[in-house]
Each structure stands twice: as C-alpha cells, then as structure tokens.
Amino acid sequence: QVRLVESGGGLVQAGGSLRLSCAASGSMSSVYIMAWHRQTPGKQRELVASMISGGTAYYVKSVKGRFTISRDNAKNTLDLQMNSLKVEDTRVYYCRFRRTPATDYWGQGTQVTVSS
C-alpha cells in the first residue's frame, strides 16, 4: 500500500506561484511512475506532469515552461512548482503513484485557485 497526502494548494493571483507537495508513505520500492493530475468538477481528470523512476519528466503542453515536477527521495515527496499561474490553472490537483504491476494510488487532492 502507498499513502499519498497533498499540500500546498491555495489562492493566488494570476502570475503568482505555488508549490504543491505530495508526501508518500508505505511500500515505495516498486513505484515507477509519479504524476500530478488536475480536475474541474464534472470534467475528466487531466495529466499535468509525470516522472518515471529514471527521472525523465513529461509535461502537458499547457504547463510546459511554467511547471516543474521534482522528487525529494530523502523526504519521500513529489513536488510541483507552479510559476506564472493563470486563471485556467484553477483546479483540484492530485498526485498519483503507480506501482508494479499497474496499481495506482491517489491522494485526496488540494485546491488551487488563481484569481484575475
């Protein structure tokens, strides 16, 4: 089992920054994908950024150059640095870890609201 707890969400003005953190606990040995997703109520959850175990990162086009995904192995956290935030970034943000063979674990989500 893997337990994930997100933090760092909040209200920020457009152009501002937030740093989300996902604290992981449990059996981490076979985790090979770590990712951030976001969702507006009633809409499909969208992949924002992901990192495979080797360190290669992927970003959806709309956040490339503004968001940075990173992992702190010592603290067992997955972070998402979000700069130059836009109103359309307003969503609930979730972290997800995938462990072999293909089991996904999700956090409870953290709200990010960007005001104009």
C-alpha atoms as a PDB file:
ATOM      1  CA  GLN A   1       0.000   0.000   0.000  1.00  0.00           C
ATOM      2  CA  VAL A   2       1.054   3.575  -0.736  1.00  0.00           C
ATOM      3  CA  ARG A   3      -0.494   6.545   1.064  1.00  0.00           C
ATOM      4  CA  LEU A   4      -0.321   9.981  -0.532  1.00  0.00           C
ATOM      5  CA  VAL A   5      -1.151  13.330   1.061  1.00  0.00           C
ATOM      6  CA  GLU A   6      -1.059  16.552  -0.967  1.00  0.00           C
ATOM      7  CA  SER A   7      -0.460  20.007   0.451  1.00  0.00           C
ATOM      8  CA  GLY A   8       0.405  23.482  -0.724  1.00  0.00           C
ATOM      9  CA  GLY A   9      -2.736  24.498  -2.555  1.00  0.00           C
ATOM     10  CA  GLY A  10      -4.409  27.833  -2.027  1.00  0.00           C
ATOM     11  CA  LEU A  11      -5.476  31.107  -3.552  1.00  0.00           C
ATOM     12  CA  VAL A  12      -3.008  33.097  -5.626  1.00  0.00           C
ATOM     13  CA  GLN A  13      -3.231  35.960  -8.099  1.00  0.00           C
ATOM     14  CA  ALA A  14      -2.566  35.383 -11.764  1.00  0.00           C
ATOM     15  CA  GLY A  15       1.164  35.490 -12.424  1.00  0.00           C
ATOM     16  CA  GLY A  16       1.966  34.172  -8.969  1.00  0.00           C
ATOM     17  CA  SER A  17       3.495  30.895  -7.841  1.00  0.00           C
ATOM     18  CA  LEU A  18       2.580  27.930  -5.694  1.00  0.00           C
ATOM     19  CA  ARG A  19       4.462  24.801  -4.741  1.00  0.00           C
ATOM     20  CA  LEU A  20       2.483  21.622  -4.246  1.00  0.00           C
ATOM     21  CA  SER A  21       3.904  18.738  -2.294  1.00  0.00           C
ATOM     22  CA  CYS A  22       2.798  15.111  -2.144  1.00  0.00           C
ATOM     23  CA  ALA A  23       4.025  13.212   0.902  1.00  0.00           C
ATOM     24  CA  ALA A  24       4.293   9.487   0.272  1.00  0.00           C
ATOM     25  CA  SER A  25       4.422   6.656   2.778  1.00  0.00           C
ATOM     26  CA  GLY A  26       4.178   2.896   2.603  1.00  0.00           C
ATOM     27  CA  SER A  27       5.766   0.435   0.219  1.00  0.00           C
ATOM     28  CA  MET A  28       7.649   2.578  -2.295  1.00  0.00           C
ATOM     29  CA  SER A  29      10.092   0.010  -3.662  1.00  0.00           C
ATOM     30  CA  SER A  30       8.224  -0.811  -6.880  1.00  0.00           C
ATOM     31  CA  VAL A  31       6.849   2.665  -7.693  1.00  0.00           C
ATOM     32  CA  TYR A  32       7.847   3.562 -11.238  1.00  0.00           C
ATOM     33  CA  ILE A  33       5.567   6.443 -12.232  1.00  0.00           C
ATOM     34  CA  MET A  34       4.823   9.545 -10.176  1.00  0.00           C
ATOM     35  CA  ALA A  35       2.472  12.154 -11.526  1.00  0.00           C
ATOM     36  CA  TRP A  36       0.333  15.195 -10.915  1.00  0.00           C
ATOM     37  CA  HIS A  37      -3.170  15.426 -12.338  1.00  0.00           C
ATOM     38  CA  ARG A  38      -5.826  18.107 -12.085  1.00  0.00           C
ATOM     39  CA  GLN A  39      -9.577  18.178 -12.376  1.00  0.00           C
ATOM     40  CA  THR A  40     -12.509  20.544 -12.596  1.00  0.00           C
ATOM     41  CA  PRO A  41     -15.676  19.089 -11.034  1.00  0.00           C
ATOM     42  CA  GLY A  42     -17.706  17.281 -13.673  1.00  0.00           C
ATOM     43  CA  LYS A  43     -14.809  17.027 -16.100  1.00  0.00           C
ATOM     44  CA  GLN A  44     -12.213  14.370 -16.798  1.00  0.00           C
ATOM     45  CA  ARG A  45      -9.038  14.334 -14.721  1.00  0.00           C
ATOM     46  CA  GLU A  46      -6.109  15.678 -16.760  1.00  0.00           C
ATOM     47  CA  LEU A  47      -2.472  14.607 -16.550  1.00  0.00           C
ATOM     48  CA  VAL A  48      -0.329  17.677 -15.834  1.00  0.00           C
ATOM     49  CA  ALA A  49       3.169  16.291 -15.310  1.00  0.00           C
ATOM     50  CA  SER A  50       4.766  12.932 -14.677  1.00  0.00           C
ATOM     51  CA  MET A  51       8.113  11.459 -13.830  1.00  0.00           C
ATOM     52  CA  ILE A  52       9.287   7.893 -14.359  1.00  0.00           C
ATOM     53  CA  SER A  53      11.681   6.207 -11.982  1.00  0.00           C
ATOM     54  CA  GLY A  54      14.694   7.082 -14.128  1.00  0.00           C
ATOM     55  CA  GLY A  55      13.924  10.787 -13.757  1.00  0.00           C
ATOM     56  CA  THR A  56      12.536  11.635 -17.189  1.00  0.00           C
ATOM     57  CA  ALA A  57       9.754  14.196 -16.888  1.00  0.00           C
ATOM     58  CA  TYR A  58       6.743  14.829 -19.088  1.00  0.00           C
ATOM     59  CA  TYR A  59       4.566  17.953 -19.120  1.00  0.00           C
ATOM     60  CA  VAL A  60       1.281  18.671 -20.817  1.00  0.00           C
ATOM     61  CA  LYS A  61       1.733  21.443 -23.369  1.00  0.00           C
ATOM     62  CA  SER A  62      -0.318  23.991 -21.431  1.00  0.00           C
ATOM     63  CA  VAL A  63       2.061  23.984 -18.448  1.00  0.00           C
ATOM     64  CA  LYS A  64       5.431  23.370 -20.142  1.00  0.00           C
ATOM     65  CA  GLY A  65       7.910  26.044 -19.154  1.00  0.00           C
ATOM     66  CA  ARG A  66       5.810  27.128 -16.157  1.00  0.00           C
ATOM     67  CA  PHE A  67       5.556  23.983 -14.005  1.00  0.00           C
ATOM     68  CA  THR A  68       8.373  21.767 -12.739  1.00  0.00           C
ATOM     69  CA  ILE A  69       7.928  18.296 -11.265  1.00  0.00           C
ATOM     70  CA  SER A  70      10.571  17.020  -8.883  1.00  0.00           C
ATOM     71  CA  ARG A  71      11.129  14.277  -6.336  1.00  0.00           C
ATOM     72  CA  ASP A  72      12.876  14.522  -2.998  1.00  0.00           C
ATOM     73  CA  ASN A  73      13.967  10.974  -2.209  1.00  0.00           C
ATOM     74  CA  ALA A  74      15.174  11.867   1.265  1.00  0.00           C
ATOM     75  CA  LYS A  75      11.788  13.297   2.249  1.00  0.00           C
ATOM     76  CA  ASN A  76       9.738  10.906   0.089  1.00  0.00           C
ATOM     77  CA  THR A  77       7.862  13.767  -1.519  1.00  0.00           C
ATOM     78  CA  LEU A  78       6.821  14.611  -5.055  1.00  0.00           C
ATOM     79  CA  ASP A  79       6.641  18.340  -5.664  1.00  0.00           C
ATOM     80  CA  LEU A  80       5.104  20.511  -8.352  1.00  0.00           C
ATOM     81  CA  GLN A  81       6.481  24.037  -8.637  1.00  0.00           C
ATOM     82  CA  MET A  82       3.928  26.175 -10.449  1.00  0.00           C
ATOM     83  CA  ASN A  83       5.019  29.576 -11.755  1.00  0.00           C
ATOM     84  CA  SER A  84       3.273  32.195 -13.885  1.00  0.00           C
ATOM     85  CA  LEU A  85      -0.074  30.798 -12.832  1.00  0.00           C
ATOM     86  CA  LYS A  86      -3.104  31.527 -14.976  1.00  0.00           C
ATOM     87  CA  VAL A  87      -6.802  31.632 -14.119  1.00  0.00           C
ATOM     88  CA  GLU A  88      -7.279  28.495 -16.220  1.00  0.00           C
ATOM     89  CA  ASP A  89      -4.922  26.598 -13.893  1.00  0.00           C
ATOM     90  CA  THR A  90      -7.667  26.677 -11.262  1.00  0.00           C
ATOM     91  CA  ARG A  91      -8.413  23.038 -10.469  1.00  0.00           C
ATOM     92  CA  VAL A  92      -8.141  20.421  -7.755  1.00  0.00           C
ATOM     93  CA  TYR A  93      -4.661  18.892  -8.067  1.00  0.00           C
ATOM     94  CA  TYR A  94      -3.996  15.226  -7.285  1.00  0.00           C
ATOM     95  CA  CYS A  95      -0.801  13.223  -7.090  1.00  0.00           C
ATOM     96  CA  ARG A  96      -0.691   9.650  -8.324  1.00  0.00           C
ATOM     97  CA  PHE A  97       1.891   6.921  -7.871  1.00  0.00           C
ATOM     98  CA  ARG A  98       1.869   3.772  -9.978  1.00  0.00           C
ATOM     99  CA  ARG A  99       3.415   0.630  -8.558  1.00  0.00           C
ATOM    100  CA  THR A 100       4.100  -2.637 -10.378  1.00  0.00           C
ATOM    101  CA  PRO A 101       2.335  -4.355 -11.959  1.00  0.00           C
ATOM    102  CA  ALA A 102      -0.019  -1.396 -12.627  1.00  0.00           C
ATOM    103  CA  THR A 103      -1.668  -0.323  -9.396  1.00  0.00           C
ATOM    104  CA  ASP A 104      -2.452   3.368  -8.998  1.00  0.00           C
ATOM    105  CA  TYR A 105      -2.611   5.231  -5.707  1.00  0.00           C
ATOM    106  CA  TRP A 106      -4.136   8.697  -5.429  1.00  0.00           C
ATOM    107  CA  GLY A 107      -4.033  11.457  -2.882  1.00  0.00           C
ATOM    108  CA  GLN A 108      -7.134  13.288  -1.689  1.00  0.00           C
ATOM    109  CA  GLY A 109      -6.429  16.416  -3.744  1.00  0.00           C
ATOM    110  CA  THR A 110      -5.575  20.021  -2.998  1.00  0.00           C
ATOM    111  CA  GLN A 111      -7.440  23.036  -4.384  1.00  0.00           C
ATOM    112  CA  VAL A 112      -5.567  25.620  -6.424  1.00  0.00           C
ATOM    113  CA  THR A 113      -7.451  28.813  -7.208  1.00  0.00           C
ATOM    114  CA  VAL A 114      -5.942  31.525  -9.386  1.00  0.00           C
ATOM    115  CA  SER A 115      -7.707  34.888  -9.359  1.00  0.00           C
ATOM    116  CA  SER A 116      -7.518  37.511 -12.091  1.00  0.00           C
END
